[in-house]
Amino acid sequence: MSTYLLVHGAWHSGECWERVVPLLTAAGHRVYAPSLTGFGDKARLLGPEVGLDTHVDDVVRLIEDEDLTEVVLVGHSYGGLVVSSAADRVPERIGHLVHLDAMDPEDGETAADVQPATQAMIDRALASDSGWRVPPLPELPPPYGLFGVTEAADLAWLRSMLSDMPVRCLQQPVRLDNPALHGVPRTHVHCVGAVPPGIVRRPVPAGRRVWELPTGHDCMITMPAELTGLLLRLA
């Protein structure tokens, strides 16, 4: 049995993994898919003080409280920042780190450093009435849709789980200064369906495995079986 910890991206909640979790558990594995602070069942905690560090604490606390080891730690999108910093904190507990169409930062980088288009969202949030709320990205015409989701029923489900996120999540830098992090194996899964203009994907460092899925960004919604098949290869 392996342990999977699935970390959602910006604006989403742990609910986005609902099509993947039962497939992994049916294969005999233990799965955690929490909502980060401010999202889903933790929406009441949303506030300007919530940032990347808050979400890293969420993940590390769960790992330590549940005494998890050899974790397959999966970060989707913004979750790539979260899992990178979490793995830096507890590398001895991580068996494999998976960047699922995710940001892949260097030490000291913010979301805007990794994905420059994010800076415009930060600027709008700071200039808004709230001064800190970043609303979800708008739906785009096909084939881009909403985070790569285009089917009507899937769109309705996705919209029901999306919420604003605090700008601090996009402003705080990751901390990747633990030498032991370099010993953690990494795999990147790229969603290579329709990619909206302005999205930048960095080259993957040598020595890391790269897999592709022919779908949009939210592959856990559009291709859950195929994604699960890839994750099971890491068990």
Protein backbone atom coordinates (compact mmCIF):
# COMPACT_ATOMS: atom_id res chain seq x y z
CA MET A 1 0.00 0.00 0.00
CA SER A 2 1.20 3.48 -0.89
CA THR A 3 0.07 6.79 0.55
CA TYR A 4 -1.02 9.55 -1.82
CA LEU A 5 -1.45 13.14 -0.71
CA LEU A 6 -3.20 15.21 -3.39
CA VAL A 7 -2.89 19.00 -3.15
CA HIS A 8 -5.25 21.14 -5.21
CA GLY A 9 -4.38 24.33 -7.03
CA ALA A 10 -5.50 27.94 -6.74
CA TRP A 11 -9.22 28.69 -6.30
CA HIS A 12 -10.09 24.95 -6.12
CA SER A 13 -10.76 22.70 -3.15
CA GLY A 14 -10.05 19.11 -2.24
CA GLU A 15 -13.35 18.23 -3.90
CA CYS A 16 -11.66 18.44 -7.32
CA TRP A 17 -10.04 15.03 -6.65
CA GLU A 18 -13.35 13.19 -6.10
CA ARG A 19 -13.02 11.23 -9.34
CA VAL A 20 -9.44 10.17 -8.62
CA VAL A 21 -9.60 9.25 -4.93
CA PRO A 22 -11.92 6.20 -5.30
CA LEU A 23 -9.79 4.84 -8.14
CA LEU A 24 -6.64 5.00 -6.03
CA THR A 25 -8.35 3.53 -2.98
CA ALA A 26 -9.86 0.74 -5.08
CA ALA A 27 -6.29 -0.18 -6.03
CA GLY A 28 -5.51 -0.64 -2.34
CA HIS A 29 -3.86 2.67 -1.51
CA ARG A 30 -4.40 5.27 1.19
CA VAL A 31 -5.37 8.70 -0.13
CA TYR A 32 -5.63 12.16 1.41
CA ALA A 33 -7.12 15.06 -0.57
CA PRO A 34 -7.55 17.94 1.89
CA SER A 35 -8.81 21.41 1.17
CA LEU A 36 -6.20 24.03 1.96
CA THR A 37 -6.99 26.85 4.40
CA GLY A 38 -9.58 29.20 2.89
CA PHE A 39 -11.08 26.68 0.45
CA GLY A 40 -13.80 24.06 0.49
CA ASP A 41 -14.69 22.97 4.02
CA LYS A 42 -12.12 25.50 5.31
CA ALA A 43 -13.64 28.47 3.43
CA ARG A 44 -14.56 30.16 6.71
CA LEU A 45 -10.83 30.66 7.36
CA LEU A 46 -10.29 32.74 4.20
CA GLY A 47 -8.64 36.07 4.95
CA PRO A 48 -5.81 38.39 3.89
CA GLU A 49 -3.38 36.73 6.31
CA VAL A 50 -3.63 33.37 4.51
CA GLY A 51 -0.67 32.78 2.24
CA LEU A 52 1.60 30.18 0.71
CA ASP A 53 3.22 29.54 4.08
CA THR A 54 -0.23 28.78 5.53
CA HIS A 55 -0.82 26.13 2.90
CA VAL A 56 2.63 24.61 3.35
CA ASP A 57 1.85 24.36 7.07
CA ASP A 58 -1.45 22.63 6.21
CA VAL A 59 0.35 19.92 4.27
CA VAL A 60 3.24 19.43 6.69
CA ARG A 61 0.87 19.29 9.65
CA LEU A 62 -1.24 16.60 8.01
CA ILE A 63 1.85 14.52 7.19
CA GLU A 64 3.19 14.79 10.71
CA ASP A 65 -0.14 14.38 12.53
CA GLU A 66 -0.94 11.23 10.52
CA ASP A 67 2.68 10.06 10.77
CA LEU A 68 2.84 9.54 7.00
CA THR A 69 5.99 8.22 5.32
CA GLU A 70 6.97 7.40 1.74
CA VAL A 71 4.26 9.81 0.61
CA VAL A 72 3.51 10.28 -3.08
CA LEU A 73 2.98 14.04 -2.81
CA VAL A 74 1.05 15.47 -5.77
CA GLY A 75 0.68 19.20 -6.37
CA HIS A 76 -1.58 20.59 -9.09
CA SER A 77 -0.95 24.04 -10.58
CA TYR A 78 -0.31 26.50 -7.68
CA GLY A 79 -0.08 23.36 -5.55
CA GLY A 80 3.35 22.85 -7.08
CA LEU A 81 4.63 25.70 -4.91
CA VAL A 82 2.96 24.18 -1.86
CA VAL A 83 4.30 20.65 -2.27
CA SER A 84 7.79 21.86 -3.14
CA SER A 85 8.08 23.82 0.09
CA ALA A 86 6.40 21.04 2.10
CA ALA A 87 8.86 18.49 0.73
CA ASP A 88 11.70 20.82 1.69
CA ARG A 89 10.42 20.79 5.26
CA VAL A 90 10.01 16.99 5.58
CA PRO A 91 11.99 15.35 2.76
CA GLU A 92 12.51 12.20 4.82
CA ARG A 93 8.75 11.56 4.66
CA ILE A 94 8.36 12.01 0.89
CA GLY A 95 8.75 9.02 -1.41
CA HIS A 96 7.94 10.84 -4.65
CA LEU A 97 7.08 14.41 -5.62
CA VAL A 98 4.66 14.91 -8.53
CA HIS A 99 4.19 18.23 -10.33
CA LEU A 100 0.79 17.89 -11.99
CA ASP A 101 0.69 20.63 -14.64
CA ALA A 102 2.18 22.60 -11.78
CA MET A 103 4.46 25.48 -10.96
CA ASP A 104 8.02 24.27 -10.42
CA PRO A 105 9.87 26.96 -8.44
CA GLU A 106 13.44 27.62 -7.50
CA ASP A 107 14.40 28.68 -3.97
CA GLY A 108 13.07 32.15 -3.18
CA GLU A 109 10.69 32.40 -6.12
CA THR A 110 7.06 33.46 -5.95
CA ALA A 111 4.16 32.45 -8.17
CA ALA A 112 4.79 35.53 -10.31
CA ASP A 113 8.40 34.49 -10.85
CA VAL A 114 7.35 31.07 -12.06
CA GLN A 115 4.29 32.21 -14.05
CA PRO A 116 4.69 35.91 -15.01
CA ALA A 117 1.03 36.24 -16.01
CA THR A 118 0.23 35.97 -12.30
CA GLN A 119 1.60 39.47 -11.67
CA ALA A 120 -1.43 41.06 -13.33
CA MET A 121 -3.71 39.19 -10.90
CA ILE A 122 -1.65 40.43 -7.97
CA ASP A 123 -1.83 44.02 -9.20
CA ARG A 124 -5.61 43.87 -9.67
CA ALA A 125 -6.12 42.36 -6.22
CA LEU A 126 -4.02 45.02 -4.51
CA ALA A 127 -5.94 47.77 -6.35
CA SER A 128 -9.37 46.24 -5.63
CA ASP A 129 -11.81 47.27 -2.91
CA SER A 130 -10.75 44.34 -0.75
CA GLY A 131 -7.04 44.84 -1.36
CA TRP A 132 -6.37 41.09 -1.20
CA ARG A 133 -8.95 38.95 -3.02
CA VAL A 134 -7.93 37.24 -6.27
CA PRO A 135 -11.02 35.93 -8.12
CA PRO A 136 -10.89 32.75 -10.21
CA LEU A 137 -9.81 33.01 -13.81
CA PRO A 138 -12.66 33.66 -16.27
CA GLU A 139 -14.02 31.00 -18.56
CA LEU A 140 -12.56 31.23 -22.07
CA PRO A 141 -14.11 30.20 -25.39
CA PRO A 142 -13.52 26.61 -26.52
CA PRO A 143 -11.17 24.84 -26.65
CA TYR A 144 -9.79 26.47 -23.47
CA GLY A 145 -12.91 26.57 -21.30
CA LEU A 146 -12.48 26.98 -17.54
CA PHE A 147 -9.14 25.50 -16.46
CA GLY A 148 -9.41 23.25 -19.52
CA VAL A 149 -12.89 22.00 -18.61
CA THR A 150 -15.47 22.41 -21.39
CA GLU A 151 -18.30 19.88 -20.79
CA ALA A 152 -21.44 21.52 -19.39
CA ALA A 153 -21.92 19.16 -16.43
CA ASP A 154 -18.25 19.30 -15.51
CA LEU A 155 -18.28 23.10 -15.74
CA ALA A 156 -21.22 23.34 -13.36
CA TRP A 157 -19.45 21.09 -10.86
CA LEU A 158 -16.18 23.00 -11.18
CA ARG A 159 -17.84 26.39 -10.71
CA SER A 160 -19.47 25.13 -7.51
CA MET A 161 -16.09 24.55 -5.87
CA LEU A 162 -14.19 27.65 -7.00
CA SER A 163 -13.65 30.61 -4.68
CA ASP A 164 -11.43 33.66 -4.32
CA MET A 165 -7.91 33.20 -3.01
CA PRO A 166 -5.75 35.58 -0.96
CA VAL A 167 -3.13 37.54 -2.87
CA ARG A 168 -0.55 36.56 -0.24
CA CYS A 169 -0.53 33.05 -1.74
CA LEU A 170 0.94 34.51 -4.92
CA GLN A 171 3.35 36.87 -3.17
CA GLN A 172 5.16 34.68 -0.65
CA PRO A 173 8.36 32.94 -1.83
CA VAL A 174 9.03 29.24 -1.57
CA ARG A 175 11.80 27.98 0.68
CA LEU A 176 13.89 25.24 -0.91
CA ASP A 177 17.15 25.21 1.01
CA ASN A 178 17.22 21.68 2.40
CA PRO A 179 19.93 19.64 0.62
CA ALA A 180 17.97 16.45 1.31
CA LEU A 181 15.25 17.67 -1.08
CA HIS A 182 17.52 16.85 -4.00
CA GLY A 183 17.27 13.16 -3.13
CA VAL A 184 13.48 13.06 -3.56
CA PRO A 185 12.47 11.59 -6.95
CA ARG A 186 10.26 13.82 -9.08
CA THR A 187 7.84 13.30 -11.92
CA HIS A 188 6.14 15.97 -14.01
CA VAL A 189 2.76 15.41 -15.66
CA HIS A 190 2.02 17.93 -18.39
CA CYS A 191 -1.49 18.52 -19.70
CA VAL A 192 -0.89 19.11 -23.38
CA GLY A 193 -4.41 19.80 -24.61
CA ALA A 194 -5.39 23.38 -25.38
CA VAL A 195 -3.08 25.71 -23.43
CA PRO A 196 -4.34 29.32 -23.04
CA PRO A 197 -2.15 32.12 -24.40
CA GLY A 198 0.30 33.59 -21.94
CA ILE A 199 0.88 30.38 -19.98
CA VAL A 200 4.58 29.57 -19.63
CA ARG A 201 5.94 26.08 -19.05
CA ARG A 202 9.53 25.88 -17.91
CA PRO A 203 11.89 23.21 -19.19
CA VAL A 204 12.02 20.23 -16.85
CA PRO A 205 15.42 19.75 -15.19
CA ALA A 206 17.48 16.83 -16.43
CA GLY A 207 16.94 13.53 -14.70
CA ARG A 208 13.24 14.01 -13.99
CA ARG A 209 10.53 11.91 -15.61
CA VAL A 210 7.90 13.66 -17.77
CA TRP A 211 4.52 12.23 -18.72
CA GLU A 212 1.82 13.87 -20.83
CA LEU A 213 -1.97 13.81 -20.82
CA PRO A 214 -3.86 15.00 -23.93
CA THR A 215 -6.32 17.18 -22.03
CA GLY A 216 -6.73 20.58 -20.38
CA HIS A 217 -5.35 21.84 -17.09
CA ASP A 218 -7.85 20.22 -14.70
CA CYS A 219 -7.06 16.67 -15.76
CA MET A 220 -8.40 15.24 -12.50
CA ILE A 221 -11.82 16.28 -13.78
CA THR A 222 -11.45 15.58 -17.49
CA MET A 223 -9.24 12.45 -17.46
CA PRO A 224 -9.39 10.95 -13.94
CA ALA A 225 -8.85 7.35 -15.04
CA GLU A 226 -5.86 8.20 -17.17
CA LEU A 227 -4.35 10.37 -14.44
CA THR A 228 -4.88 7.63 -11.88
CA GLY A 229 -3.14 5.16 -14.17
CA LEU A 230 -0.06 7.37 -14.21
CA LEU A 231 -0.10 7.88 -10.44
CA LEU A 232 -0.40 4.14 -9.86
CA ARG A 233 2.86 3.65 -11.73
CA LEU A 234 4.55 5.45 -8.83
CA ALA A 235 3.09 3.17 -6.14
